[in-house]
């Protein structure tokens, strides 16, 4: 997604946990504990992958995207498809997305990544032109100048 920012990747944490499971220091019953809600979200809103489950190695994993944010109101905490995320990213200012991988066979689940989506991260064409005129070819000055903090300062001056 083009407005994805502040990405946190949990792959190192996942590798460490799987190392503990495969060495026998952590039991599979401790890591294969997906709730019925998570399994239903994977079934109805999940995105199937070609990656085999790292624990049972029988079924492919499913990615579930959960959304949180102030603008979402009662929709916060719901699972959404990637297509819905794209639509929400163009209509809402900012919201947090958590991606969880789930094995529907053995109930393995782990947080894969989290990131922000929304319009606040999009640089408009006008901002890019203004920064090019000011001598900043990257558009970074326009992104900073058109951010929410500068808008609040301008509104406060009025």
N, C-alpha and C. Protein backbone atom coordinates (compact mmCIF):
# COMPACT_ATOMS: atom_id res chain seq x y z
N UNK A 1 0.83 -1.18 0.00
CA UNK A 1 0.00 0.00 0.00
C UNK A 1 0.88 1.24 0.00
N UNK A 2 0.48 2.24 -0.72
CA UNK A 2 1.36 3.36 -0.95
C UNK A 2 1.50 4.31 0.23
N UNK A 3 0.56 4.35 1.17
CA UNK A 3 0.67 5.27 2.29
C UNK A 3 1.17 4.58 3.56
N UNK A 4 1.65 3.38 3.45
CA UNK A 4 2.12 2.61 4.59
C UNK A 4 3.36 3.28 5.19
N UNK A 5 3.33 3.53 6.50
CA UNK A 5 4.47 4.17 7.16
C UNK A 5 4.57 3.67 8.60
N UNK A 6 5.70 4.00 9.23
CA UNK A 6 6.00 3.56 10.60
C UNK A 6 5.79 2.06 10.74
N UNK A 7 6.45 1.31 9.91
CA UNK A 7 6.30 -0.15 9.88
C UNK A 7 7.17 -0.77 10.97
N UNK A 8 6.58 -1.69 11.73
CA UNK A 8 7.29 -2.46 12.74
C UNK A 8 7.19 -3.91 12.32
N UNK A 9 8.34 -4.56 12.14
CA UNK A 9 8.39 -5.96 11.69
C UNK A 9 8.76 -6.84 12.89
N UNK A 10 8.01 -7.90 13.10
CA UNK A 10 8.22 -8.79 14.24
C UNK A 10 8.86 -10.12 13.84
N UNK A 11 9.56 -10.16 12.73
CA UNK A 11 10.13 -11.42 12.24
C UNK A 11 11.24 -11.95 13.15
N UNK A 12 12.03 -11.08 13.77
CA UNK A 12 13.07 -11.55 14.68
C UNK A 12 12.47 -12.19 15.92
N UNK A 13 11.41 -11.60 16.43
CA UNK A 13 10.71 -12.16 17.58
C UNK A 13 10.11 -13.52 17.22
N UNK A 14 9.56 -13.62 16.03
CA UNK A 14 8.98 -14.88 15.57
C UNK A 14 10.05 -15.96 15.44
N UNK A 15 11.19 -15.61 14.87
CA UNK A 15 12.28 -16.59 14.73
C UNK A 15 12.76 -17.10 16.07
N UNK A 16 12.88 -16.19 17.05
CA UNK A 16 13.32 -16.59 18.39
C UNK A 16 12.31 -17.54 19.04
N UNK A 17 11.03 -17.23 18.89
CA UNK A 17 9.99 -18.10 19.46
C UNK A 17 9.99 -19.46 18.79
N UNK A 18 10.11 -19.50 17.47
CA UNK A 18 10.14 -20.78 16.76
C UNK A 18 11.38 -21.60 17.12
N UNK A 19 12.49 -20.93 17.36
CA UNK A 19 13.70 -21.64 17.79
C UNK A 19 13.44 -22.33 19.14
N UNK A 20 12.75 -21.63 20.03
CA UNK A 20 12.42 -22.19 21.34
C UNK A 20 11.46 -23.38 21.20
N UNK A 21 10.50 -23.27 20.29
CA UNK A 21 9.54 -24.35 20.08
C UNK A 21 10.23 -25.57 19.50
N UNK A 22 11.06 -25.38 18.48
CA UNK A 22 11.72 -26.51 17.82
C UNK A 22 12.77 -27.17 18.70
N UNK A 23 13.33 -26.43 19.65
CA UNK A 23 14.29 -27.03 20.57
C UNK A 23 13.61 -27.74 21.73
N UNK A 24 12.32 -27.53 21.89
CA UNK A 24 11.58 -28.21 22.95
C UNK A 24 11.45 -27.42 24.24
N UNK A 25 11.99 -26.22 24.29
CA UNK A 25 11.91 -25.41 25.52
C UNK A 25 10.53 -24.79 25.71
N UNK A 26 9.79 -24.63 24.62
CA UNK A 26 8.42 -24.12 24.66
C UNK A 26 7.53 -25.14 23.94
N UNK A 27 6.44 -25.49 24.57
CA UNK A 27 5.53 -26.47 23.98
C UNK A 27 4.65 -25.87 22.92
N UNK A 28 4.21 -26.70 21.99
CA UNK A 28 3.34 -26.20 20.92
C UNK A 28 1.99 -25.77 21.47
N UNK A 29 1.56 -26.36 22.57
CA UNK A 29 0.29 -25.96 23.18
C UNK A 29 0.33 -24.51 23.66
N UNK A 30 1.52 -23.97 23.92
CA UNK A 30 1.66 -22.58 24.37
C UNK A 30 1.60 -21.59 23.20
N UNK A 31 1.99 -22.00 22.01
CA UNK A 31 2.01 -21.08 20.87
C UNK A 31 0.88 -21.33 19.89
N UNK A 32 0.25 -22.47 19.97
CA UNK A 32 -0.88 -22.78 19.08
C UNK A 32 -2.18 -22.58 19.85
N UNK A 33 -2.51 -21.31 20.07
CA UNK A 33 -3.63 -20.98 20.95
C UNK A 33 -4.54 -19.91 20.35
N UNK A 34 -4.78 -19.96 19.06
CA UNK A 34 -5.62 -18.95 18.40
C UNK A 34 -7.04 -19.01 18.96
N UNK A 35 -7.59 -17.85 19.24
CA UNK A 35 -8.95 -17.77 19.76
C UNK A 35 -9.95 -18.09 18.64
N UNK A 36 -11.16 -18.46 19.02
CA UNK A 36 -12.19 -18.70 17.98
C UNK A 36 -12.46 -17.46 17.14
N UNK A 37 -12.36 -16.26 17.73
CA UNK A 37 -12.58 -15.02 16.98
C UNK A 37 -11.50 -14.83 15.92
N UNK A 38 -10.26 -15.12 16.29
CA UNK A 38 -9.15 -14.99 15.34
C UNK A 38 -9.29 -16.01 14.21
N UNK A 39 -9.70 -17.23 14.53
CA UNK A 39 -9.88 -18.25 13.50
C UNK A 39 -11.02 -17.88 12.54
N UNK A 40 -12.10 -17.30 13.08
CA UNK A 40 -13.20 -16.86 12.21
C UNK A 40 -12.78 -15.69 11.34
N UNK A 41 -11.99 -14.76 11.91
CA UNK A 41 -11.50 -13.63 11.12
C UNK A 41 -10.61 -14.13 9.99
N UNK A 42 -9.79 -15.14 10.27
CA UNK A 42 -8.93 -15.72 9.23
C UNK A 42 -9.77 -16.38 8.14
N UNK A 43 -10.84 -17.00 8.55
CA UNK A 43 -11.71 -17.70 7.60
C UNK A 43 -12.46 -16.74 6.68
N UNK A 44 -12.99 -15.65 7.24
CA UNK A 44 -13.85 -14.76 6.47
C UNK A 44 -13.15 -13.52 5.91
N UNK A 45 -12.11 -13.03 6.60
CA UNK A 45 -11.44 -11.80 6.18
C UNK A 45 -9.96 -11.99 5.86
N UNK A 46 -9.46 -13.20 6.04
CA UNK A 46 -8.04 -13.45 5.88
C UNK A 46 -7.58 -13.49 4.43
N UNK A 47 -6.29 -13.30 4.29
CA UNK A 47 -5.64 -13.34 2.98
C UNK A 47 -4.76 -14.59 2.95
N UNK A 48 -5.12 -15.61 2.17
CA UNK A 48 -4.32 -16.83 2.12
C UNK A 48 -2.92 -16.55 1.55
N UNK A 49 -1.94 -17.27 2.08
CA UNK A 49 -0.57 -17.14 1.59
C UNK A 49 -0.09 -18.50 1.09
N UNK A 50 1.08 -18.51 0.50
CA UNK A 50 1.70 -19.75 0.03
C UNK A 50 2.71 -20.28 1.04
N UNK A 51 2.80 -19.65 2.21
CA UNK A 51 3.76 -20.03 3.24
C UNK A 51 3.18 -21.12 4.13
N UNK A 52 3.92 -22.20 4.30
CA UNK A 52 3.48 -23.28 5.18
C UNK A 52 3.62 -22.86 6.63
N UNK A 53 2.77 -23.40 7.48
CA UNK A 53 2.83 -23.13 8.91
C UNK A 53 4.18 -23.61 9.45
N UNK A 54 4.87 -22.79 10.24
CA UNK A 54 6.18 -23.19 10.75
C UNK A 54 6.11 -24.23 11.86
N UNK A 55 4.92 -24.47 12.41
CA UNK A 55 4.79 -25.43 13.50
C UNK A 55 4.33 -26.79 12.98
N UNK A 56 3.16 -26.84 12.32
CA UNK A 56 2.64 -28.13 11.86
C UNK A 56 3.14 -28.51 10.47
N UNK A 57 3.52 -27.54 9.67
CA UNK A 57 4.02 -27.73 8.30
C UNK A 57 3.05 -28.51 7.39
N UNK A 58 1.73 -28.36 7.68
CA UNK A 58 0.73 -29.04 6.87
C UNK A 58 -0.14 -28.07 6.08
N UNK A 59 -0.48 -26.94 6.69
CA UNK A 59 -1.40 -26.00 6.06
C UNK A 59 -0.70 -24.67 5.79
N UNK A 60 -1.24 -23.92 4.83
CA UNK A 60 -0.72 -22.60 4.53
C UNK A 60 -1.25 -21.58 5.55
N UNK A 61 -0.44 -20.58 5.80
CA UNK A 61 -0.83 -19.53 6.73
C UNK A 61 -1.82 -18.56 6.09
N UNK A 62 -2.59 -17.89 6.92
CA UNK A 62 -3.53 -16.87 6.49
C UNK A 62 -3.20 -15.59 7.24
N UNK A 63 -3.16 -14.46 6.53
CA UNK A 63 -2.88 -13.16 7.16
C UNK A 63 -4.20 -12.45 7.46
N UNK A 64 -4.31 -11.94 8.68
CA UNK A 64 -5.49 -11.20 9.10
C UNK A 64 -5.03 -9.79 9.45
N UNK A 65 -5.73 -8.77 8.93
CA UNK A 65 -5.41 -7.36 9.17
C UNK A 65 -6.45 -6.76 10.10
N UNK A 66 -6.01 -6.34 11.29
CA UNK A 66 -6.89 -5.68 12.26
C UNK A 66 -6.63 -4.18 12.23
N UNK A 67 -7.67 -3.38 12.35
CA UNK A 67 -7.53 -1.92 12.29
C UNK A 67 -7.94 -1.27 13.60
N UNK A 68 -7.20 -0.21 13.97
CA UNK A 68 -7.49 0.56 15.17
C UNK A 68 -7.24 2.03 14.87
N UNK A 69 -8.05 2.90 15.44
CA UNK A 69 -7.86 4.33 15.26
C UNK A 69 -9.03 5.11 15.80
N UNK A 70 -8.79 6.37 16.13
CA UNK A 70 -9.83 7.22 16.70
C UNK A 70 -10.98 7.46 15.73
N UNK A 71 -10.68 7.64 14.47
CA UNK A 71 -11.72 7.93 13.48
C UNK A 71 -12.61 6.72 13.18
N UNK A 72 -12.17 5.54 13.53
CA UNK A 72 -12.92 4.32 13.19
C UNK A 72 -14.14 4.11 14.09
N UNK A 73 -14.12 4.69 15.27
CA UNK A 73 -15.21 4.57 16.25
C UNK A 73 -15.56 3.11 16.50
N UNK A 74 -16.77 2.67 16.18
CA UNK A 74 -17.19 1.30 16.48
C UNK A 74 -16.53 0.26 15.58
N UNK A 75 -15.88 0.68 14.51
CA UNK A 75 -15.21 -0.26 13.62
C UNK A 75 -13.81 -0.63 14.10
N UNK A 76 -13.31 0.04 15.13
CA UNK A 76 -11.98 -0.25 15.65
C UNK A 76 -11.93 -1.68 16.18
N UNK A 77 -10.85 -2.37 15.88
CA UNK A 77 -10.67 -3.74 16.33
C UNK A 77 -11.22 -4.79 15.38
N UNK A 78 -11.74 -4.37 14.26
CA UNK A 78 -12.30 -5.32 13.30
C UNK A 78 -11.24 -5.78 12.31
N UNK A 79 -11.45 -6.97 11.78
CA UNK A 79 -10.58 -7.50 10.73
C UNK A 79 -11.09 -6.99 9.39
N UNK A 80 -10.16 -6.62 8.52
CA UNK A 80 -10.51 -6.11 7.19
C UNK A 80 -9.64 -6.76 6.14
N UNK A 81 -10.15 -6.79 4.91
CA UNK A 81 -9.37 -7.32 3.79
C UNK A 81 -8.44 -6.22 3.27
N UNK A 82 -7.47 -6.58 2.43
CA UNK A 82 -6.55 -5.59 1.88
C UNK A 82 -7.27 -4.57 1.00
N UNK A 83 -8.29 -5.00 0.29
CA UNK A 83 -9.06 -4.08 -0.56
C UNK A 83 -9.77 -3.04 0.31
N UNK A 84 -10.32 -3.47 1.42
CA UNK A 84 -10.97 -2.53 2.34
C UNK A 84 -9.96 -1.57 2.95
N UNK A 85 -8.75 -2.06 3.23
CA UNK A 85 -7.70 -1.19 3.79
C UNK A 85 -7.35 -0.07 2.82
N UNK A 86 -7.27 -0.39 1.54
CA UNK A 86 -6.95 0.62 0.53
C UNK A 86 -8.02 1.71 0.49
N UNK A 87 -9.28 1.30 0.56
CA UNK A 87 -10.37 2.27 0.55
C UNK A 87 -10.34 3.14 1.81
N UNK A 88 -10.12 2.52 2.96
CA UNK A 88 -10.07 3.27 4.21
C UNK A 88 -8.89 4.23 4.24
N UNK A 89 -7.77 3.82 3.64
CA UNK A 89 -6.58 4.67 3.62
C UNK A 89 -6.81 5.96 2.86
N UNK A 90 -7.70 5.93 1.89
CA UNK A 90 -7.98 7.14 1.11
C UNK A 90 -9.05 8.01 1.77
N UNK A 91 -9.82 7.46 2.68
CA UNK A 91 -10.91 8.23 3.29
C UNK A 91 -10.59 8.71 4.71
N UNK A 92 -9.78 7.97 5.46
CA UNK A 92 -9.47 8.33 6.84
C UNK A 92 -8.10 9.00 6.93
N UNK A 93 -7.94 9.85 7.93
CA UNK A 93 -6.66 10.54 8.12
C UNK A 93 -5.55 9.58 8.52
N UNK A 94 -5.81 8.77 9.56
CA UNK A 94 -4.75 7.89 10.04
C UNK A 94 -5.35 6.77 10.89
N UNK A 95 -4.86 5.55 10.69
CA UNK A 95 -5.26 4.43 11.53
C UNK A 95 -4.15 3.39 11.53
N UNK A 96 -4.15 2.59 12.58
CA UNK A 96 -3.11 1.58 12.81
C UNK A 96 -3.60 0.23 12.29
N UNK A 97 -2.71 -0.52 11.65
CA UNK A 97 -3.04 -1.85 11.14
C UNK A 97 -2.09 -2.86 11.78
N UNK A 98 -2.66 -3.92 12.32
CA UNK A 98 -1.88 -5.03 12.88
C UNK A 98 -2.12 -6.24 12.01
N UNK A 99 -1.04 -6.89 11.57
CA UNK A 99 -1.14 -8.07 10.70
C UNK A 99 -0.75 -9.30 11.52
N UNK A 100 -1.67 -10.26 11.58
CA UNK A 100 -1.45 -11.49 12.35
C UNK A 100 -1.50 -12.66 11.38
N UNK A 101 -0.51 -13.57 11.50
CA UNK A 101 -0.56 -14.79 10.69
C UNK A 101 -1.20 -15.89 11.53
N UNK A 102 -2.04 -16.69 10.87
CA UNK A 102 -2.81 -17.72 11.56
C UNK A 102 -2.75 -19.01 10.75
N UNK A 103 -2.54 -20.12 11.43
CA UNK A 103 -2.68 -21.43 10.81
C UNK A 103 -4.04 -21.97 11.25
N UNK A 104 -4.90 -22.21 10.30
CA UNK A 104 -6.24 -22.68 10.63
C UNK A 104 -6.25 -24.15 11.01
N UNK A 105 -5.13 -24.84 10.80
CA UNK A 105 -5.04 -26.26 11.16
C UNK A 105 -4.62 -26.49 12.60
N UNK A 106 -3.50 -25.90 13.00
CA UNK A 106 -2.97 -26.15 14.35
C UNK A 106 -3.16 -24.97 15.31
N UNK A 107 -3.74 -23.87 14.84
CA UNK A 107 -4.03 -22.68 15.65
C UNK A 107 -2.79 -21.84 15.99
N UNK A 108 -1.68 -22.03 15.27
CA UNK A 108 -0.53 -21.15 15.43
C UNK A 108 -0.95 -19.74 15.04
N UNK A 109 -0.50 -18.74 15.79
CA UNK A 109 -0.75 -17.34 15.43
C UNK A 109 0.37 -16.49 15.99
N UNK A 110 0.73 -15.47 15.22
CA UNK A 110 1.80 -14.57 15.64
C UNK A 110 1.63 -13.23 14.96
N UNK A 111 1.91 -12.16 15.69
CA UNK A 111 1.88 -10.82 15.12
C UNK A 111 3.05 -10.68 14.16
N UNK A 112 2.76 -10.36 12.91
CA UNK A 112 3.79 -10.28 11.87
C UNK A 112 4.34 -8.86 11.77
N UNK A 113 3.44 -7.88 11.66
CA UNK A 113 3.86 -6.49 11.54
C UNK A 113 2.73 -5.55 11.92
N UNK A 114 3.10 -4.30 12.13
CA UNK A 114 2.11 -3.25 12.33
C UNK A 114 2.58 -2.02 11.57
N UNK A 115 1.62 -1.21 11.12
CA UNK A 115 1.95 0.00 10.37
C UNK A 115 0.79 0.97 10.41
N UNK A 116 1.07 2.21 10.02
CA UNK A 116 0.06 3.24 9.92
C UNK A 116 -0.38 3.39 8.48
N UNK A 117 -1.66 3.66 8.29
CA UNK A 117 -2.20 3.98 6.98
C UNK A 117 -3.05 5.24 7.11
N UNK A 118 -3.32 5.88 6.00
CA UNK A 118 -4.22 7.03 5.98
C UNK A 118 -3.72 8.15 5.11
N UNK A 119 -4.57 9.16 4.98
CA UNK A 119 -4.27 10.30 4.11
C UNK A 119 -3.14 11.17 4.63
N UNK A 120 -2.89 11.20 5.94
CA UNK A 120 -1.85 12.07 6.48
C UNK A 120 -0.48 11.78 5.90
N UNK A 121 -0.24 10.58 5.41
CA UNK A 121 1.05 10.23 4.86
C UNK A 121 1.19 10.49 3.38
N UNK A 122 0.14 10.98 2.72
CA UNK A 122 0.17 11.20 1.27
C UNK A 122 0.62 12.62 0.97
N UNK A 123 1.61 12.77 0.09
CA UNK A 123 2.06 14.09 -0.36
C UNK A 123 1.30 14.42 -1.63
N UNK A 124 0.65 15.57 -1.65
CA UNK A 124 -0.13 15.95 -2.83
C UNK A 124 0.77 16.47 -3.93
N UNK A 125 0.25 16.57 -5.12
CA UNK A 125 1.00 17.07 -6.27
C UNK A 125 1.38 18.53 -6.08
N UNK A 126 0.51 19.34 -5.44
CA UNK A 126 0.82 20.75 -5.22
C UNK A 126 2.03 20.89 -4.31
N UNK A 127 2.11 20.06 -3.26
CA UNK A 127 3.24 20.14 -2.34
C UNK A 127 4.55 19.79 -3.01
N UNK A 128 4.51 18.82 -3.91
CA UNK A 128 5.72 18.42 -4.62
C UNK A 128 6.19 19.53 -5.54
N UNK A 129 5.22 20.23 -6.21
CA UNK A 129 5.61 21.33 -7.09
C UNK A 129 6.19 22.48 -6.29
N UNK A 130 5.62 22.79 -5.15
CA UNK A 130 6.10 23.89 -4.32
C UNK A 130 7.52 23.62 -3.83
N UNK A 131 7.82 22.36 -3.46
CA UNK A 131 9.16 22.07 -2.97
C UNK A 131 10.17 22.09 -4.11
N UNK A 132 9.76 21.71 -5.32
CA UNK A 132 10.67 21.75 -6.45
C UNK A 132 11.03 23.20 -6.78
N UNK A 133 10.05 24.10 -6.62
CA UNK A 133 10.31 25.51 -6.86
C UNK A 133 11.27 26.06 -5.81
N UNK A 134 11.12 25.58 -4.57
CA UNK A 134 11.97 26.08 -3.49
C UNK A 134 13.35 25.45 -3.53
N UNK A 135 13.62 24.56 -4.44
CA UNK A 135 14.94 23.96 -4.57
C UNK A 135 15.08 22.63 -3.86
N UNK A 136 13.99 22.04 -3.43
CA UNK A 136 14.03 20.75 -2.76
C UNK A 136 13.43 19.70 -3.69
N UNK A 137 14.24 18.98 -4.47
CA UNK A 137 13.70 18.05 -5.45
C UNK A 137 13.05 16.81 -4.83
N UNK A 138 13.31 16.52 -3.56
CA UNK A 138 12.76 15.31 -2.95
C UNK A 138 11.34 15.50 -2.48
N UNK A 139 10.90 16.72 -2.26
CA UNK A 139 9.55 16.96 -1.78
C UNK A 139 9.44 16.87 -0.27
N UNK A 140 10.56 16.70 0.43
CA UNK A 140 10.52 16.56 1.89
C UNK A 140 10.05 17.85 2.56
N UNK A 141 10.45 18.99 2.03
CA UNK A 141 10.03 20.26 2.62
C UNK A 141 8.52 20.42 2.52
N UNK A 142 7.94 20.01 1.42
CA UNK A 142 6.48 20.12 1.25
C UNK A 142 5.76 19.19 2.20
N UNK A 143 6.32 18.00 2.40
CA UNK A 143 5.68 17.06 3.31
C UNK A 143 5.68 17.61 4.73
N UNK A 144 6.78 18.27 5.13
CA UNK A 144 6.84 18.85 6.46
C UNK A 144 5.95 20.08 6.57
N UNK A 145 5.94 20.91 5.54
CA UNK A 145 5.18 22.15 5.59
C UNK A 145 3.68 21.91 5.54
N UNK A 146 3.25 20.81 4.92
CA UNK A 146 1.81 20.57 4.80
C UNK A 146 1.31 19.59 5.84
N UNK A 147 2.12 19.27 6.86
CA UNK A 147 1.72 18.32 7.88
C UNK A 147 0.66 18.89 8.81
N UNK A 148 0.12 18.04 9.68
CA UNK A 148 -0.96 18.46 10.57
C UNK A 148 -0.51 19.52 11.57
N UNK A 149 0.75 19.50 12.00
CA UNK A 149 1.22 20.49 12.96
C UNK A 149 1.23 21.89 12.35
N UNK A 150 1.67 22.01 11.09
CA UNK A 150 1.69 23.33 10.46
C UNK A 150 0.27 23.83 10.19
N UNK A 151 -0.63 22.90 9.89
CA UNK A 151 -2.02 23.31 9.71
C UNK A 151 -2.61 23.86 11.00
N UNK A 152 -2.29 23.22 12.12
CA UNK A 152 -2.81 23.71 13.40
C UNK A 152 -2.24 25.08 13.73
N UNK A 153 -0.94 25.28 13.40
CA UNK A 153 -0.33 26.60 13.67
C UNK A 153 -1.02 27.68 12.84
N UNK A 154 -1.28 27.36 11.56
CA UNK A 154 -1.96 28.35 10.71
C UNK A 154 -3.36 28.67 11.22
N UNK A 155 -4.08 27.64 11.67
CA UNK A 155 -5.43 27.85 12.19
C UNK A 155 -5.39 28.64 13.49
N UNK A 156 -4.37 28.41 14.31
CA UNK A 156 -4.26 29.12 15.58
C UNK A 156 -3.99 30.61 15.37
N UNK A 157 -3.27 30.94 14.30
CA UNK A 157 -2.96 32.36 14.00
C UNK A 157 -4.19 33.13 13.58
N UNK A 158 -5.19 32.46 13.04
CA UNK A 158 -6.40 33.14 12.54
C UNK A 158 -7.25 33.67 13.62
